[in-house]
Amino acid sequence: MGNPVNGNGAVQAVYEAWGYRTIGGQQPFAGSPVFACMTRELR
């Protein structure tokens, strides 16, 4: 789970290049950023 705006989206782009995809978002508490929930298929 990560903040999709970190590094202007560069961090999320790296995870996507590694085969991860976003499946949803989670906001752990009011006022916090919405974090991307990501998964990747196991081979």
PDB file of N, CA and C in Angstrom:
ATOM      1  N   MET A   1       0.865  -1.162   0.000  1.00  0.00           N
ATOM      2  CA  MET A   1       0.000   0.000   0.000  1.00  0.00           C
ATOM      3  C   MET A   1       0.912   1.225   0.000  1.00  0.00           C
ATOM      4  N   GLY A   2       0.577   2.159  -0.856  1.00  0.00           N
ATOM      5  CA  GLY A   2       1.414   3.337  -0.921  1.00  0.00           C
ATOM      6  C   GLY A   2       0.624   4.573  -1.311  1.00  0.00           C
ATOM      7  N   ASN A   3       1.219   5.718  -1.073  1.00  0.00           N
ATOM      8  CA  ASN A   3       0.597   6.985  -1.430  1.00  0.00           C
ATOM      9  C   ASN A   3       0.866   7.240  -2.911  1.00  0.00           C
ATOM     10  N   PRO A   4      -0.159   7.249  -3.749  1.00  0.00           N
ATOM     11  CA  PRO A   4       0.055   7.371  -5.189  1.00  0.00           C
ATOM     12  C   PRO A   4       0.612   8.715  -5.640  1.00  0.00           C
ATOM     13  N   VAL A   5       0.616   9.727  -4.791  1.00  0.00           N
ATOM     14  CA  VAL A   5       1.150  11.026  -5.195  1.00  0.00           C
ATOM     15  C   VAL A   5       2.624  11.203  -4.827  1.00  0.00           C
ATOM     16  N   ASN A   6       3.211  10.238  -4.124  1.00  0.00           N
ATOM     17  CA  ASN A   6       4.642  10.339  -3.791  1.00  0.00           C
ATOM     18  C   ASN A   6       5.463  10.412  -5.065  1.00  0.00           C
ATOM     19  N   GLY A   7       6.376  11.355  -5.110  1.00  0.00           N
ATOM     20  CA  GLY A   7       7.236  11.508  -6.276  1.00  0.00           C
ATOM     21  C   GLY A   7       6.467  11.837  -7.536  1.00  0.00           C
ATOM     22  N   ASN A   8       5.343  12.561  -7.390  1.00  0.00           N
ATOM     23  CA  ASN A   8       4.479  12.897  -8.533  1.00  0.00           C
ATOM     24  C   ASN A   8       4.038  11.652  -9.291  1.00  0.00           C
ATOM     25  N   GLY A   9       3.792  10.575  -8.583  1.00  0.00           N
ATOM     26  CA  GLY A   9       3.325   9.336  -9.197  1.00  0.00           C
ATOM     27  C   GLY A   9       4.440   8.409  -9.641  1.00  0.00           C
ATOM     28  N   ALA A  10       5.689   8.828  -9.484  1.00  0.00           N
ATOM     29  CA  ALA A  10       6.821   8.010  -9.936  1.00  0.00           C
ATOM     30  C   ALA A  10       6.930   6.701  -9.158  1.00  0.00           C
ATOM     31  N   VAL A  11       6.658   6.745  -7.862  1.00  0.00           N
ATOM     32  CA  VAL A  11       6.764   5.534  -7.041  1.00  0.00           C
ATOM     33  C   VAL A  11       5.732   4.510  -7.507  1.00  0.00           C
ATOM     34  N   GLN A  12       4.507   4.952  -7.719  1.00  0.00           N
ATOM     35  CA  GLN A  12       3.473   4.029  -8.184  1.00  0.00           C
ATOM     36  C   GLN A  12       3.820   3.497  -9.572  1.00  0.00           C
ATOM     37  N   ALA A  13       4.394   4.316 -10.428  1.00  0.00           N
ATOM     38  CA  ALA A  13       4.788   3.875 -11.769  1.00  0.00           C
ATOM     39  C   ALA A  13       5.838   2.768 -11.701  1.00  0.00           C
ATOM     40  N   VAL A  14       6.754   2.855 -10.739  1.00  0.00           N
ATOM     41  CA  VAL A  14       7.765   1.801 -10.579  1.00  0.00           C
ATOM     42  C   VAL A  14       7.086   0.485 -10.203  1.00  0.00           C
ATOM     43  N   TYR A  15       6.149   0.546  -9.250  1.00  0.00           N
ATOM     44  CA  TYR A  15       5.436  -0.674  -8.855  1.00  0.00           C
ATOM     45  C   TYR A  15       4.644  -1.247 -10.031  1.00  0.00           C
ATOM     46  N   GLU A  16       4.029  -0.398 -10.828  1.00  0.00           N
ATOM     47  CA  GLU A  16       3.296  -0.884 -12.001  1.00  0.00           C
ATOM     48  C   GLU A  16       4.253  -1.528 -13.000  1.00  0.00           C
ATOM     49  N   ALA A  17       5.450  -0.983 -13.152  1.00  0.00           N
ATOM     50  CA  ALA A  17       6.449  -1.579 -14.043  1.00  0.00           C
ATOM     51  C   ALA A  17       6.886  -2.959 -13.540  1.00  0.00           C
ATOM     52  N   TRP A  18       6.817  -3.175 -12.226  1.00  0.00           N
ATOM     53  CA  TRP A  18       7.156  -4.468 -11.644  1.00  0.00           C
ATOM     54  C   TRP A  18       5.987  -5.456 -11.697  1.00  0.00           C
ATOM     55  N   GLY A  19       4.865  -5.046 -12.304  1.00  0.00           N
ATOM     56  CA  GLY A  19       3.729  -5.948 -12.467  1.00  0.00           C
ATOM     57  C   GLY A  19       2.604  -5.767 -11.468  1.00  0.00           C
ATOM     58  N   TYR A  20       2.699  -4.784 -10.589  1.00  0.00           N
ATOM     59  CA  TYR A  20       1.617  -4.523  -9.639  1.00  0.00           C
ATOM     60  C   TYR A  20       0.511  -3.736 -10.322  1.00  0.00           C
ATOM     61  N   ARG A  21      -0.709  -3.907  -9.817  1.00  0.00           N
ATOM     62  CA  ARG A  21      -1.825  -3.098 -10.307  1.00  0.00           C
ATOM     63  C   ARG A  21      -2.647  -2.643  -9.110  1.00  0.00           C
ATOM     64  N   THR A  22      -3.242  -1.478  -9.257  1.00  0.00           N
ATOM     65  CA  THR A  22      -4.057  -0.917  -8.183  1.00  0.00           C
ATOM     66  C   THR A  22      -5.412  -1.605  -8.162  1.00  0.00           C
ATOM     67  N   ILE A  23      -5.829  -2.048  -6.970  1.00  0.00           N
ATOM     68  CA  ILE A  23      -7.123  -2.716  -6.837  1.00  0.00           C
ATOM     69  C   ILE A  23      -8.092  -1.905  -5.985  1.00  0.00           C
ATOM     70  N   GLY A  24      -7.638  -0.810  -5.427  1.00  0.00           N
ATOM     71  CA  GLY A  24      -8.513   0.020  -4.611  1.00  0.00           C
ATOM     72  C   GLY A  24      -7.711   1.040  -3.832  1.00  0.00           C
ATOM     73  N   GLY A  25      -8.386   1.665  -2.899  1.00  0.00           N
ATOM     74  CA  GLY A  25      -7.738   2.659  -2.062  1.00  0.00           C
ATOM     75  C   GLY A  25      -8.166   2.486  -0.626  1.00  0.00           C
ATOM     76  N   GLN A  26      -7.355   3.001   0.280  1.00  0.00           N
ATOM     77  CA  GLN A  26      -7.677   2.905   1.703  1.00  0.00           C
ATOM     78  C   GLN A  26      -7.223   4.181   2.390  1.00  0.00           C
ATOM     79  N   GLN A  27      -8.102   4.716   3.225  1.00  0.00           N
ATOM     80  CA  GLN A  27      -7.786   5.896   4.027  1.00  0.00           C
ATOM     81  C   GLN A  27      -7.851   5.455   5.490  1.00  0.00           C
ATOM     82  N   PRO A  28      -6.678   5.234   6.115  1.00  0.00           N
ATOM     83  CA  PRO A  28      -6.658   4.655   7.461  1.00  0.00           C
ATOM     84  C   PRO A  28      -7.324   5.503   8.538  1.00  0.00           C
ATOM     85  N   PHE A  29      -7.324   6.819   8.367  1.00  0.00           N
ATOM     86  CA  PHE A  29      -8.009   7.673   9.325  1.00  0.00           C
ATOM     87  C   PHE A  29      -8.356   8.983   8.640  1.00  0.00           C
ATOM     88  N   ALA A  30      -9.326   9.685   9.180  1.00  0.00           N
ATOM     89  CA  ALA A  30      -9.770  10.952   8.594  1.00  0.00           C
ATOM     90  C   ALA A  30      -8.603  11.925   8.499  1.00  0.00           C
ATOM     91  N   GLY A  31      -8.484  12.567   7.363  1.00  0.00           N
ATOM     92  CA  GLY A  31      -7.427  13.536   7.156  1.00  0.00           C
ATOM     93  C   GLY A  31      -6.148  12.957   6.568  1.00  0.00           C
ATOM     94  N   SER A  32      -6.051  11.648   6.521  1.00  0.00           N
ATOM     95  CA  SER A  32      -4.859  11.040   5.925  1.00  0.00           C
ATOM     96  C   SER A  32      -5.051  10.936   4.414  1.00  0.00           C
ATOM     97  N   PRO A  33      -3.946  10.771   3.668  1.00  0.00           N
ATOM     98  CA  PRO A  33      -4.108  10.569   2.231  1.00  0.00           C
ATOM     99  C   PRO A  33      -4.765   9.219   1.959  1.00  0.00           C
ATOM    100  N   VAL A  34      -5.324   9.082   0.792  1.00  0.00           N
ATOM    101  CA  VAL A  34      -5.877   7.793   0.371  1.00  0.00           C
ATOM    102  C   VAL A  34      -4.730   7.015  -0.258  1.00  0.00           C
ATOM    103  N   PHE A  35      -4.417   5.879   0.329  1.00  0.00           N
ATOM    104  CA  PHE A  35      -3.318   5.043  -0.147  1.00  0.00           C
ATOM    105  C   PHE A  35      -3.817   4.056  -1.191  1.00  0.00           C
ATOM    106  N   ALA A  36      -2.977   3.768  -2.173  1.00  0.00           N
ATOM    107  CA  ALA A  36      -3.311   2.799  -3.202  1.00  0.00           C
ATOM    108  C   ALA A  36      -3.058   1.393  -2.656  1.00  0.00           C
ATOM    109  N   CYS A  37      -4.028   0.509  -2.810  1.00  0.00           N
ATOM    110  CA  CYS A  37      -3.852  -0.894  -2.471  1.00  0.00           C
ATOM    111  C   CYS A  37      -3.486  -1.604  -3.768  1.00  0.00           C
ATOM    112  N   MET A  38      -2.340  -2.259  -3.771  1.00  0.00           N
ATOM    113  CA  MET A  38      -1.838  -2.859  -4.998  1.00  0.00           C
ATOM    114  C   MET A  38      -1.594  -4.347  -4.791  1.00  0.00           C
ATOM    115  N   THR A  39      -1.686  -5.095  -5.882  1.00  0.00           N
ATOM    116  CA  THR A  39      -1.432  -6.531  -5.847  1.00  0.00           C
ATOM    117  C   THR A  39      -0.682  -6.922  -7.107  1.00  0.00           C
ATOM    118  N   ARG A  40      -0.125  -8.110  -7.066  1.00  0.00           N
ATOM    119  CA  ARG A  40       0.598  -8.626  -8.223  1.00  0.00           C
ATOM    120  C   ARG A  40       0.381 -10.119  -8.278  1.00  0.00           C
ATOM    121  N   GLU A  41       0.243 -10.644  -9.468  1.00  0.00           N
ATOM    122  CA  GLU A  41       0.032 -12.084  -9.647  1.00  0.00           C
ATOM    123  C   GLU A  41       1.329 -12.826  -9.342  1.00  0.00           C
ATOM    124  N   LEU A  42       1.204 -13.907  -8.585  1.00  0.00           N
ATOM    125  CA  LEU A  42       2.359 -14.771  -8.309  1.00  0.00           C
ATOM    126  C   LEU A  42       2.507 -15.767  -9.437  1.00  0.00           C
ATOM    127  N   ARG A  43       3.725 -16.058  -9.762  1.00  0.00           N
ATOM    128  CA  ARG A  43       3.978 -16.992 -10.882  1.00  0.00           C
ATOM    129  C   ARG A  43       4.187 -18.382 -10.390  1.00  0.00           C
TER     130      ARG A  43
END
